[in-house]
Amino acid sequence: MQFVRALAEFEDLDDQVVSDEGSLLKYLFGKRPYAEAIIAEIGGNPAGFVILFYSFSSFRGRPGLYIEDTFVYPEYRNKGVGRALMEHCARLALQQGCIRME
């Protein structure tokens, strides 16, 4: 939830955040997750995150990977955290046979 709040503050959208810890636990980590959260760490400290989910193309008959949010704390920027998160997402897309990553 700290990442969501930090992203909202960065985008000057603090007033639009209605999610809370309970909704994130339910929809990201519950019985049927609707999305995935990937957290990057440096020295055991959370540095950045990505929230992603999979879509499906009926015409192509294959999934796609959609990145909903990505954020890196200011103190960890320009240290390769964002690149590492994107590379991780690209590997996931390849492993899952995705036709695209957006």
PDB file of N, CA and C in Angstrom:
ATOM      1  N   MET A   1       0.829  -1.186   0.000  1.00  0.00           N
ATOM      2  CA  MET A   1       0.000   0.000   0.000  1.00  0.00           C
ATOM      3  C   MET A   1       0.874   1.251   0.000  1.00  0.00           C
ATOM      4  N   GLN A   2       2.052   1.143   0.617  1.00  0.00           N
ATOM      5  CA  GLN A   2       2.971   2.292   0.627  1.00  0.00           C
ATOM      6  C   GLN A   2       3.382   2.675  -0.792  1.00  0.00           C
ATOM      7  N   PHE A   3       3.602   1.673  -1.646  1.00  0.00           N
ATOM      8  CA  PHE A   3       3.958   1.964  -3.030  1.00  0.00           C
ATOM      9  C   PHE A   3       2.809   2.658  -3.756  1.00  0.00           C
ATOM     10  N   VAL A   4       1.589   2.205  -3.529  1.00  0.00           N
ATOM     11  CA  VAL A   4       0.425   2.808  -4.176  1.00  0.00           C
ATOM     12  C   VAL A   4       0.299   4.269  -3.760  1.00  0.00           C
ATOM     13  N   ARG A   5       0.464   4.515  -2.489  1.00  0.00           N
ATOM     14  CA  ARG A   5       0.384   5.907  -2.006  1.00  0.00           C
ATOM     15  C   ARG A   5       1.505   6.767  -2.568  1.00  0.00           C
ATOM     16  N   ALA A   6       2.711   6.205  -2.638  1.00  0.00           N
ATOM     17  CA  ALA A   6       3.843   6.959  -3.180  1.00  0.00           C
ATOM     18  C   ALA A   6       3.637   7.258  -4.667  1.00  0.00           C
ATOM     19  N   LEU A   7       3.125   6.297  -5.413  1.00  0.00           N
ATOM     20  CA  LEU A   7       2.834   6.508  -6.830  1.00  0.00           C
ATOM     21  C   LEU A   7       1.777   7.588  -7.000  1.00  0.00           C
ATOM     22  N   ALA A   8       0.718   7.526  -6.210  1.00  0.00           N
ATOM     23  CA  ALA A   8      -0.350   8.528  -6.293  1.00  0.00           C
ATOM     24  C   ALA A   8       0.185   9.920  -5.975  1.00  0.00           C
ATOM     25  N   GLU A   9       1.032  10.013  -4.966  1.00  0.00           N
ATOM     26  CA  GLU A   9       1.620  11.308  -4.617  1.00  0.00           C
ATOM     27  C   GLU A   9       2.500  11.817  -5.758  1.00  0.00           C
ATOM     28  N   PHE A  10       3.309  10.919  -6.340  1.00  0.00           N
ATOM     29  CA  PHE A  10       4.183  11.281  -7.454  1.00  0.00           C
ATOM     30  C   PHE A  10       3.383  11.820  -8.638  1.00  0.00           C
ATOM     31  N   GLU A  11       2.235  11.207  -8.898  1.00  0.00           N
ATOM     32  CA  GLU A  11       1.390  11.610 -10.025  1.00  0.00           C
ATOM     33  C   GLU A  11       0.381  12.692  -9.640  1.00  0.00           C
ATOM     34  N   ASP A  12       0.487  13.182  -8.405  1.00  0.00           N
ATOM     35  CA  ASP A  12      -0.424  14.201  -7.877  1.00  0.00           C
ATOM     36  C   ASP A  12      -1.883  13.743  -7.962  1.00  0.00           C
ATOM     37  N   LEU A  13      -2.086  12.482  -7.583  1.00  0.00           N
ATOM     38  CA  LEU A  13      -3.421  11.884  -7.607  1.00  0.00           C
ATOM     39  C   LEU A  13      -3.805  11.314  -6.248  1.00  0.00           C
ATOM     40  N   ASP A  14      -3.219  11.847  -5.189  1.00  0.00           N
ATOM     41  CA  ASP A  14      -3.475  11.352  -3.826  1.00  0.00           C
ATOM     42  C   ASP A  14      -4.963  11.225  -3.524  1.00  0.00           C
ATOM     43  N   ASP A  15      -5.733  12.195  -3.983  1.00  0.00           N
ATOM     44  CA  ASP A  15      -7.159  12.225  -3.666  1.00  0.00           C
ATOM     45  C   ASP A  15      -7.969  11.142  -4.371  1.00  0.00           C
ATOM     46  N   GLN A  16      -7.347  10.410  -5.301  1.00  0.00           N
ATOM     47  CA  GLN A  16      -8.077   9.387  -6.044  1.00  0.00           C
ATOM     48  C   GLN A  16      -7.862   7.969  -5.515  1.00  0.00           C
ATOM     49  N   VAL A  17      -7.006   7.814  -4.527  1.00  0.00           N
ATOM     50  CA  VAL A  17      -6.728   6.482  -3.981  1.00  0.00           C
ATOM     51  C   VAL A  17      -7.866   6.066  -3.058  1.00  0.00           C
ATOM     52  N   VAL A  18      -8.550   4.997  -3.413  1.00  0.00           N
ATOM     53  CA  VAL A  18      -9.612   4.454  -2.564  1.00  0.00           C
ATOM     54  C   VAL A  18      -9.292   3.031  -2.117  1.00  0.00           C
ATOM     55  N   SER A  19      -8.250   2.435  -2.692  1.00  0.00           N
ATOM     56  CA  SER A  19      -7.865   1.094  -2.263  1.00  0.00           C
ATOM     57  C   SER A  19      -7.281   1.156  -0.860  1.00  0.00           C
ATOM     58  N   ASP A  20      -7.235  -0.004  -0.235  1.00  0.00           N
ATOM     59  CA  ASP A  20      -6.635  -0.110   1.093  1.00  0.00           C
ATOM     60  C   ASP A  20      -5.934  -1.461   1.183  1.00  0.00           C
ATOM     61  N   GLU A  21      -5.316  -1.714   2.313  1.00  0.00           N
ATOM     62  CA  GLU A  21      -4.583  -2.960   2.490  1.00  0.00           C
ATOM     63  C   GLU A  21      -5.473  -4.181   2.273  1.00  0.00           C
ATOM     64  N   GLY A  22      -6.717  -4.092   2.740  1.00  0.00           N
ATOM     65  CA  GLY A  22      -7.645  -5.219   2.596  1.00  0.00           C
ATOM     66  C   GLY A  22      -7.952  -5.538   1.151  1.00  0.00           C
ATOM     67  N   SER A  23      -8.197  -4.521   0.337  1.00  0.00           N
ATOM     68  CA  SER A  23      -8.515  -4.782  -1.072  1.00  0.00           C
ATOM     69  C   SER A  23      -7.285  -5.315  -1.812  1.00  0.00           C
ATOM     70  N   LEU A  24      -6.113  -4.803  -1.472  1.00  0.00           N
ATOM     71  CA  LEU A  24      -4.902  -5.325  -2.116  1.00  0.00           C
ATOM     72  C   LEU A  24      -4.662  -6.777  -1.723  1.00  0.00           C
ATOM     73  N   LEU A  25      -4.836  -7.087  -0.457  1.00  0.00           N
ATOM     74  CA  LEU A  25      -4.670  -8.477  -0.021  1.00  0.00           C
ATOM     75  C   LEU A  25      -5.653  -9.398  -0.733  1.00  0.00           C
ATOM     76  N   LYS A  26      -6.895  -8.982  -0.834  1.00  0.00           N
ATOM     77  CA  LYS A  26      -7.923  -9.811  -1.467  1.00  0.00           C
ATOM     78  C   LYS A  26      -7.667 -10.016  -2.954  1.00  0.00           C
ATOM     79  N   TYR A  27      -7.404  -8.929  -3.678  1.00  0.00           N
ATOM     80  CA  TYR A  27      -7.343  -9.011  -5.131  1.00  0.00           C
ATOM     81  C   TYR A  27      -5.960  -9.300  -5.708  1.00  0.00           C
ATOM     82  N   LEU A  28      -4.915  -9.108  -4.908  1.00  0.00           N
ATOM     83  CA  LEU A  28      -3.573  -9.452  -5.374  1.00  0.00           C
ATOM     84  C   LEU A  28      -3.065 -10.760  -4.776  1.00  0.00           C
ATOM     85  N   PHE A  29      -3.500 -11.069  -3.553  1.00  0.00           N
ATOM     86  CA  PHE A  29      -2.933 -12.219  -2.862  1.00  0.00           C
ATOM     87  C   PHE A  29      -3.982 -13.198  -2.355  1.00  0.00           C
ATOM     88  N   GLY A  30      -5.233 -13.014  -2.724  1.00  0.00           N
ATOM     89  CA  GLY A  30      -6.314 -13.866  -2.252  1.00  0.00           C
ATOM     90  C   GLY A  30      -6.435 -15.170  -3.026  1.00  0.00           C
ATOM     91  N   LYS A  31      -7.581 -15.838  -2.867  1.00  0.00           N
ATOM     92  CA  LYS A  31      -7.839 -17.120  -3.526  1.00  0.00           C
ATOM     93  C   LYS A  31      -7.708 -17.032  -5.039  1.00  0.00           C
ATOM     94  N   ARG A  32      -8.245 -15.955  -5.608  1.00  0.00           N
ATOM     95  CA  ARG A  32      -8.175 -15.767  -7.047  1.00  0.00           C
ATOM     96  C   ARG A  32      -7.576 -14.392  -7.341  1.00  0.00           C
ATOM     97  N   PRO A  33      -6.249 -14.347  -7.447  1.00  0.00           N
ATOM     98  CA  PRO A  33      -5.606 -13.066  -7.724  1.00  0.00           C
ATOM     99  C   PRO A  33      -5.990 -12.542  -9.115  1.00  0.00           C
ATOM    100  N   TYR A  34      -6.281 -11.266  -9.192  1.00  0.00           N
ATOM    101  CA  TYR A  34      -6.629 -10.635 -10.461  1.00  0.00           C
ATOM    102  C   TYR A  34      -5.429  -9.948 -11.092  1.00  0.00           C
ATOM    103  N   ALA A  35      -4.384  -9.761 -10.323  1.00  0.00           N
ATOM    104  CA  ALA A  35      -3.164  -9.115 -10.794  1.00  0.00           C
ATOM    105  C   ALA A  35      -2.019  -9.613  -9.922  1.00  0.00           C
ATOM    106  N   GLU A  36      -0.815  -9.259 -10.322  1.00  0.00           N
ATOM    107  CA  GLU A  36       0.372  -9.636  -9.555  1.00  0.00           C
ATOM    108  C   GLU A  36       1.138  -8.377  -9.179  1.00  0.00           C
ATOM    109  N   ALA A  37       1.744  -8.407  -8.024  1.00  0.00           N
ATOM    110  CA  ALA A  37       2.625  -7.331  -7.596  1.00  0.00           C
ATOM    111  C   ALA A  37       4.033  -7.894  -7.481  1.00  0.00           C
ATOM    112  N   ILE A  38       4.967  -7.203  -8.081  1.00  0.00           N
ATOM    113  CA  ILE A  38       6.368  -7.602  -8.018  1.00  0.00           C
ATOM    114  C   ILE A  38       7.115  -6.449  -7.344  1.00  0.00           C
ATOM    115  N   ILE A  39       7.860  -6.781  -6.307  1.00  0.00           N
ATOM    116  CA  ILE A  39       8.573  -5.765  -5.543  1.00  0.00           C
ATOM    117  C   ILE A  39      10.076  -5.968  -5.716  1.00  0.00           C
ATOM    118  N   ALA A  40      10.767  -4.901  -6.085  1.00  0.00           N
ATOM    119  CA  ALA A  40      12.222  -4.922  -6.198  1.00  0.00           C
ATOM    120  C   ALA A  40      12.815  -4.436  -4.880  1.00  0.00           C
ATOM    121  N   GLU A  41      13.885  -5.091  -4.475  1.00  0.00           N
ATOM    122  CA  GLU A  41      14.561  -4.702  -3.242  1.00  0.00           C
ATOM    123  C   GLU A  41      16.029  -4.417  -3.510  1.00  0.00           C
ATOM    124  N   ILE A  42      16.564  -3.503  -2.738  1.00  0.00           N
ATOM    125  CA  ILE A  42      18.007  -3.246  -2.725  1.00  0.00           C
ATOM    126  C   ILE A  42      18.434  -3.315  -1.267  1.00  0.00           C
ATOM    127  N   GLY A  43      19.356  -4.208  -0.985  1.00  0.00           N
ATOM    128  CA  GLY A  43      19.834  -4.366   0.385  1.00  0.00           C
ATOM    129  C   GLY A  43      18.732  -4.732   1.358  1.00  0.00           C
ATOM    130  N   GLY A  44      17.719  -5.480   0.880  1.00  0.00           N
ATOM    131  CA  GLY A  44      16.610  -5.885   1.729  1.00  0.00           C
ATOM    132  C   GLY A  44      15.551  -4.820   1.919  1.00  0.00           C
ATOM    133  N   ASN A  45      15.718  -3.667   1.290  1.00  0.00           N
ATOM    134  CA  ASN A  45      14.746  -2.583   1.391  1.00  0.00           C
ATOM    135  C   ASN A  45      13.909  -2.498   0.121  1.00  0.00           C
ATOM    136  N   PRO A  46      12.588  -2.313   0.252  1.00  0.00           N
ATOM    137  CA  PRO A  46      11.758  -2.168  -0.943  1.00  0.00           C
ATOM    138  C   PRO A  46      12.159  -0.916  -1.719  1.00  0.00           C
ATOM    139  N   ALA A  47      12.412  -1.100  -3.028  1.00  0.00           N
ATOM    140  CA  ALA A  47      12.899   0.003  -3.847  1.00  0.00           C
ATOM    141  C   ALA A  47      11.909   0.410  -4.936  1.00  0.00           C
ATOM    142  N   GLY A  48      11.143  -0.548  -5.432  1.00  0.00           N
ATOM    143  CA  GLY A  48      10.206  -0.261  -6.503  1.00  0.00           C
ATOM    144  C   GLY A  48       9.216  -1.394  -6.665  1.00  0.00           C
ATOM    145  N   PHE A  49       8.189  -1.146  -7.482  1.00  0.00           N
ATOM    146  CA  PHE A  49       7.197  -2.192  -7.691  1.00  0.00           C
ATOM    147  C   PHE A  49       6.559  -2.082  -9.068  1.00  0.00           C
ATOM    148  N   VAL A  50       5.956  -3.176  -9.465  1.00  0.00           N
ATOM    149  CA  VAL A  50       5.163  -3.265 -10.682  1.00  0.00           C
ATOM    150  C   VAL A  50       3.898  -4.026 -10.331  1.00  0.00           C
ATOM    151  N   ILE A  51       2.770  -3.568 -10.851  1.00  0.00           N
ATOM    152  CA  ILE A  51       1.533  -4.344 -10.796  1.00  0.00           C
ATOM    153  C   ILE A  51       1.189  -4.690 -12.232  1.00  0.00           C
ATOM    154  N   LEU A  52       0.960  -5.967 -12.489  1.00  0.00           N
ATOM    155  CA  LEU A  52       0.681  -6.434 -13.839  1.00  0.00           C
ATOM    156  C   LEU A  52      -0.463  -7.435 -13.827  1.00  0.00           C
ATOM    157  N   PHE A  53      -1.038  -7.623 -14.981  1.00  0.00           N
ATOM    158  CA  PHE A  53      -2.036  -8.673 -15.152  1.00  0.00           C
ATOM    159  C   PHE A  53      -1.972  -9.180 -16.580  1.00  0.00           C
ATOM    160  N   TYR A  54      -2.601 -10.314 -16.807  1.00  0.00           N
ATOM    161  CA  TYR A  54      -2.600 -10.929 -18.128  1.00  0.00           C
ATOM    162  C   TYR A  54      -3.928 -10.665 -18.824  1.00  0.00           C
ATOM    163  N   SER A  55      -3.830 -10.415 -20.107  1.00  0.00           N
ATOM    164  CA  SER A  55      -5.010 -10.282 -20.957  1.00  0.00           C
ATOM    165  C   SER A  55      -5.003 -11.471 -21.919  1.00  0.00           C
ATOM    166  N   PHE A  56      -5.980 -11.520 -22.804  1.00  0.00           N
ATOM    167  CA  PHE A  56      -6.028 -12.622 -23.762  1.00  0.00           C
ATOM    168  C   PHE A  56      -6.578 -12.132 -25.091  1.00  0.00           C
ATOM    169  N   SER A  57      -5.909 -12.502 -26.175  1.00  0.00           N
ATOM    170  CA  SER A  57      -6.363 -12.160 -27.521  1.00  0.00           C
ATOM    171  C   SER A  57      -7.060 -13.371 -28.121  1.00  0.00           C
ATOM    172  N   SER A  58      -8.355 -13.244 -28.333  1.00  0.00           N
ATOM    173  CA  SER A  58      -9.091 -14.359 -28.934  1.00  0.00           C
ATOM    174  C   SER A  58      -8.666 -14.568 -30.390  1.00  0.00           C
ATOM    175  N   PHE A  59      -8.307 -13.508 -31.085  1.00  0.00           N
ATOM    176  CA  PHE A  59      -7.884 -13.632 -32.477  1.00  0.00           C
ATOM    177  C   PHE A  59      -6.544 -14.338 -32.596  1.00  0.00           C
ATOM    178  N   ARG A  60      -5.637 -14.040 -31.677  1.00  0.00           N
ATOM    179  CA  ARG A  60      -4.307 -14.650 -31.715  1.00  0.00           C
ATOM    180  C   ARG A  60      -4.242 -15.936 -30.895  1.00  0.00           C
ATOM    181  N   GLY A  61      -5.218 -16.101 -29.993  1.00  0.00           N
ATOM    182  CA  GLY A  61      -5.248 -17.307 -29.169  1.00  0.00           C
ATOM    183  C   GLY A  61      -4.128 -17.383 -28.164  1.00  0.00           C
ATOM    184  N   ARG A  62      -3.644 -16.223 -27.736  1.00  0.00           N
ATOM    185  CA  ARG A  62      -2.528 -16.200 -26.787  1.00  0.00           C
ATOM    186  C   ARG A  62      -2.687 -15.038 -25.818  1.00  0.00           C
ATOM    187  N   PRO A  63      -2.004 -15.138 -24.674  1.00  0.00           N
ATOM    188  CA  PRO A  63      -2.090 -14.064 -23.680  1.00  0.00           C
ATOM    189  C   PRO A  63      -1.176 -12.894 -24.002  1.00  0.00           C
ATOM    190  N   GLY A  64      -1.446 -11.794 -23.317  1.00  0.00           N
ATOM    191  CA  GLY A  64      -0.578 -10.629 -23.318  1.00  0.00           C
ATOM    192  C   GLY A  64      -0.355 -10.228 -21.871  1.00  0.00           C
ATOM    193  N   LEU A  65       0.712  -9.518 -21.619  1.00  0.00           N
ATOM    194  CA  LEU A  65       1.019  -9.053 -20.272  1.00  0.00           C
ATOM    195  C   LEU A  65       0.851  -7.543 -20.264  1.00  0.00           C
ATOM    196  N   TYR A  66       0.073  -7.037 -19.329  1.00  0.00           N
ATOM    197  CA  TYR A  66      -0.203  -5.607 -19.234  1.00  0.00           C
ATOM    198  C   TYR A  66       0.349  -5.077 -17.915  1.00  0.00           C
ATOM    199  N   ILE A  67       1.194  -4.062 -17.998  1.00  0.00           N
ATOM    200  CA  ILE A  67       1.747  -3.429 -16.802  1.00  0.00           C
ATOM    201  C   ILE A  67       0.835  -2.263 -16.435  1.00  0.00           C
ATOM    202  N   GLU A  68       0.186  -2.391 -15.308  1.00  0.00           N
ATOM    203  CA  GLU A  68      -0.747  -1.360 -14.838  1.00  0.00           C
ATOM    204  C   GLU A  68      -0.008  -0.205 -14.170  1.00  0.00           C
ATOM    205  N   ASP A  69       0.886  -0.520 -13.244  1.00  0.00           N
ATOM    206  CA  ASP A  69       1.613   0.504 -12.504  1.00  0.00           C
ATOM    207  C   ASP A  69       3.065   0.088 -12.345  1.00  0.00           C
ATOM    208  N   THR A  70       3.922   1.073 -12.330  1.00  0.00           N
ATOM    209  CA  THR A  70       5.328   0.862 -11.984  1.00  0.00           C
ATOM    210  C   THR A  70       5.814   2.116 -11.268  1.00  0.00           C
ATOM    211  N   PHE A  71       6.644   1.900 -10.268  1.00  0.00           N
ATOM    212  CA  PHE A  71       7.135   3.026  -9.474  1.00  0.00           C
ATOM    213  C   PHE A  71       8.429   2.622  -8.785  1.00  0.00           C
ATOM    214  N   VAL A  72       9.362   3.553  -8.746  1.00  0.00           N
ATOM    215  CA  VAL A  72      10.619   3.370  -8.021  1.00  0.00           C
ATOM    216  C   VAL A  72      10.775   4.566  -7.091  1.00  0.00           C
ATOM    217  N   TYR A  73      11.056   4.296  -5.820  1.00  0.00           N
ATOM    218  CA  TYR A  73      11.286   5.387  -4.876  1.00  0.00           C
ATOM    219  C   TYR A  73      12.426   6.275  -5.379  1.00  0.00           C
ATOM    220  N   PRO A  74      12.314   7.577  -5.179  1.00  0.00           N
ATOM    221  CA  PRO A  74      13.333   8.516  -5.693  1.00  0.00           C
ATOM    222  C   PRO A  74      14.771   8.152  -5.334  1.00  0.00           C
ATOM    223  N   GLU A  75      14.989   7.702  -4.122  1.00  0.00           N
ATOM    224  CA  GLU A  75      16.363   7.399  -3.697  1.00  0.00           C
ATOM    225  C   GLU A  75      16.972   6.198  -4.409  1.00  0.00           C
ATOM    226  N   TYR A  76      16.141   5.415  -5.106  1.00  0.00           N
ATOM    227  CA  TYR A  76      16.637   4.242  -5.832  1.00  0.00           C
ATOM    228  C   TYR A  76      16.613   4.426  -7.347  1.00  0.00           C
ATOM    229  N   ARG A  77      16.242   5.596  -7.801  1.00  0.00           N
ATOM    230  CA  ARG A  77      16.213   5.848  -9.242  1.00  0.00           C
ATOM    231  C   ARG A  77      17.635   5.967  -9.786  1.00  0.00           C
ATOM    232  N   ASN A  78      17.775   5.651 -11.054  1.00  0.00           N
ATOM    233  CA  ASN A  78      19.078   5.665 -11.742  1.00  0.00           C
ATOM    234  C   ASN A  78      20.042   4.642 -11.166  1.00  0.00           C
ATOM    235  N   LYS A  79      19.496   3.584 -10.596  1.00  0.00           N
ATOM    236  CA  LYS A  79      20.306   2.494 -10.071  1.00  0.00           C
ATOM    237  C   LYS A  79      19.943   1.170 -10.745  1.00  0.00           C
ATOM    238  N   GLY A  80      19.143   1.234 -11.801  1.00  0.00           N
ATOM    239  CA  GLY A  80      18.787   0.025 -12.543  1.00  0.00           C
ATOM    240  C   GLY A  80      17.557  -0.705 -12.029  1.00  0.00           C
ATOM    241  N   VAL A  81      16.870  -0.144 -11.039  1.00  0.00           N
ATOM    242  CA  VAL A  81      15.697  -0.817 -10.469  1.00  0.00           C
ATOM    243  C   VAL A  81      14.566  -0.905 -11.484  1.00  0.00           C
ATOM    244  N   GLY A  82      14.259   0.202 -12.142  1.00  0.00           N
ATOM    245  CA  GLY A  82      13.191   0.206 -13.138  1.00  0.00           C
ATOM    246  C   GLY A  82      13.500  -0.743 -14.280  1.00  0.00           C
ATOM    247  N   ARG A  83      14.732  -0.716 -14.748  1.00  0.00           N
ATOM    248  CA  ARG A  83      15.149  -1.620 -15.828  1.00  0.00           C
ATOM    249  C   ARG A  83      15.003  -3.079 -15.384  1.00  0.00           C
ATOM    250  N   ALA A  84      15.429  -3.372 -14.171  1.00  0.00           N
ATOM    251  CA  ALA A  84      15.337  -4.747 -13.663  1.00  0.00           C
ATOM    252  C   ALA A  84      13.876  -5.199 -13.585  1.00  0.00           C
ATOM    253  N   LEU A  85      12.996  -4.302 -13.154  1.00  0.00           N
ATOM    254  CA  LEU A  85      11.571  -4.649 -13.095  1.00  0.00           C
ATOM    255  C   LEU A  85      11.018  -4.930 -14.489  1.00  0.00           C
ATOM    256  N   MET A  86      11.358  -4.085 -15.457  1.00  0.00           N
ATOM    257  CA  MET A  86      10.870  -4.289 -16.828  1.00  0.00           C
ATOM    258  C   MET A  86      11.439  -5.565 -17.441  1.00  0.00           C
ATOM    259  N   GLU A  87      12.717  -5.834 -17.188  1.00  0.00           N
ATOM    260  CA  GLU A  87      13.322  -7.072 -17.699  1.00  0.00           C
ATOM    261  C   GLU A  87      12.658  -8.296 -17.081  1.00  0.00           C
ATOM    262  N   HIS A  88      12.338  -8.212 -15.804  1.00  0.00           N
ATOM    263  CA  HIS A  88      11.640  -9.319 -15.138  1.00  0.00           C
ATOM    264  C   HIS A  88      10.268  -9.543 -15.785  1.00  0.00           C
ATOM    265  N   CYS A  89       9.553  -8.454 -16.039  1.00  0.00           N
ATOM    266  CA  CYS A  89       8.243  -8.568 -16.700  1.00  0.00           C
ATOM    267  C   CYS A  89       8.385  -9.168 -18.090  1.00  0.00           C
ATOM    268  N   ALA A  90       9.405  -8.767 -18.826  1.00  0.00           N
ATOM    269  CA  ALA A  90       9.636  -9.313 -20.170  1.00  0.00           C
ATOM    270  C   ALA A  90       9.903 -10.814 -20.104  1.00  0.00           C
ATOM    271  N   ARG A  91      10.692 -11.244 -19.116  1.00  0.00           N
ATOM    272  CA  ARG A  91      10.940 -12.683 -18.949  1.00  0.00           C
ATOM    273  C   ARG A  91       9.646 -13.433 -18.633  1.00  0.00           C
ATOM    274  N   LEU A  92       8.823 -12.848 -17.758  1.00  0.00           N
ATOM    275  CA  LEU A  92       7.530 -13.470 -17.452  1.00  0.00           C
ATOM    276  C   LEU A  92       6.684 -13.597 -18.712  1.00  0.00           C
ATOM    277  N   ALA A  93       6.645 -12.540 -19.514  1.00  0.00           N
ATOM    278  CA  ALA A  93       5.862 -12.556 -20.751  1.00  0.00           C
ATOM    279  C   ALA A  93       6.339 -13.679 -21.678  1.00  0.00           C
ATOM    280  N   LEU A  94       7.629 -13.806 -21.811  1.00  0.00           N
ATOM    281  CA  LEU A  94       8.174 -14.881 -22.662  1.00  0.00           C
ATOM    282  C   LEU A  94       7.833 -16.249 -22.093  1.00  0.00           C
ATOM    283  N   GLN A  95       8.026 -16.433 -20.793  1.00  0.00           N
ATOM    284  CA  GLN A  95       7.720 -17.715 -20.153  1.00  0.00           C
ATOM    285  C   GLN A  95       6.260 -18.113 -20.310  1.00  0.00           C
ATOM    286  N   GLN A  96       5.365 -17.127 -20.305  1.00  0.00           N
ATOM    287  CA  GLN A  96       3.930 -17.395 -20.406  1.00  0.00           C
ATOM    288  C   GLN A  96       3.439 -17.445 -21.858  1.00  0.00           C
ATOM    289  N   GLY A  97       4.345 -17.265 -22.827  1.00  0.00           N
ATOM    290  CA  GLY A  97       3.963 -17.313 -24.234  1.00  0.00           C
ATOM    291  C   GLY A  97       3.168 -16.096 -24.688  1.00  0.00           C
ATOM    292  N   CYS A  98       3.380 -14.963 -24.030  1.00  0.00           N
ATOM    293  CA  CYS A  98       2.625 -13.750 -24.380  1.00  0.00           C
ATOM    294  C   CYS A  98       3.028 -13.222 -25.753  1.00  0.00           C
ATOM    295  N   ILE A  99       2.057 -12.669 -26.463  1.00  0.00           N
ATOM    296  CA  ILE A  99       2.336 -12.090 -27.778  1.00  0.00           C
ATOM    297  C   ILE A  99       2.737 -10.626 -27.675  1.00  0.00           C
ATOM    298  N   ARG A 100       2.497 -10.022 -26.514  1.00  0.00           N
ATOM    299  CA  ARG A 100       2.882  -8.622 -26.340  1.00  0.00           C
ATOM    300  C   ARG A 100       2.965  -8.290 -24.849  1.00  0.00           C
ATOM    301  N   MET A 101       3.683  -7.211 -24.597  1.00  0.00           N
ATOM    302  CA  MET A 101       3.760  -6.651 -23.261  1.00  0.00           C
ATOM    303  C   MET A 101       3.476  -5.172 -23.409  1.00  0.00           C
ATOM    304  N   GLU A 102       2.481  -4.705 -22.681  1.00  0.00           N
ATOM    305  CA  GLU A 102       2.097  -3.302 -22.768  1.00  0.00           C
ATOM    306  C   GLU A 102       2.297  -2.621 -21.430  1.00  0.00           C
TER     307      GLU A 102
END
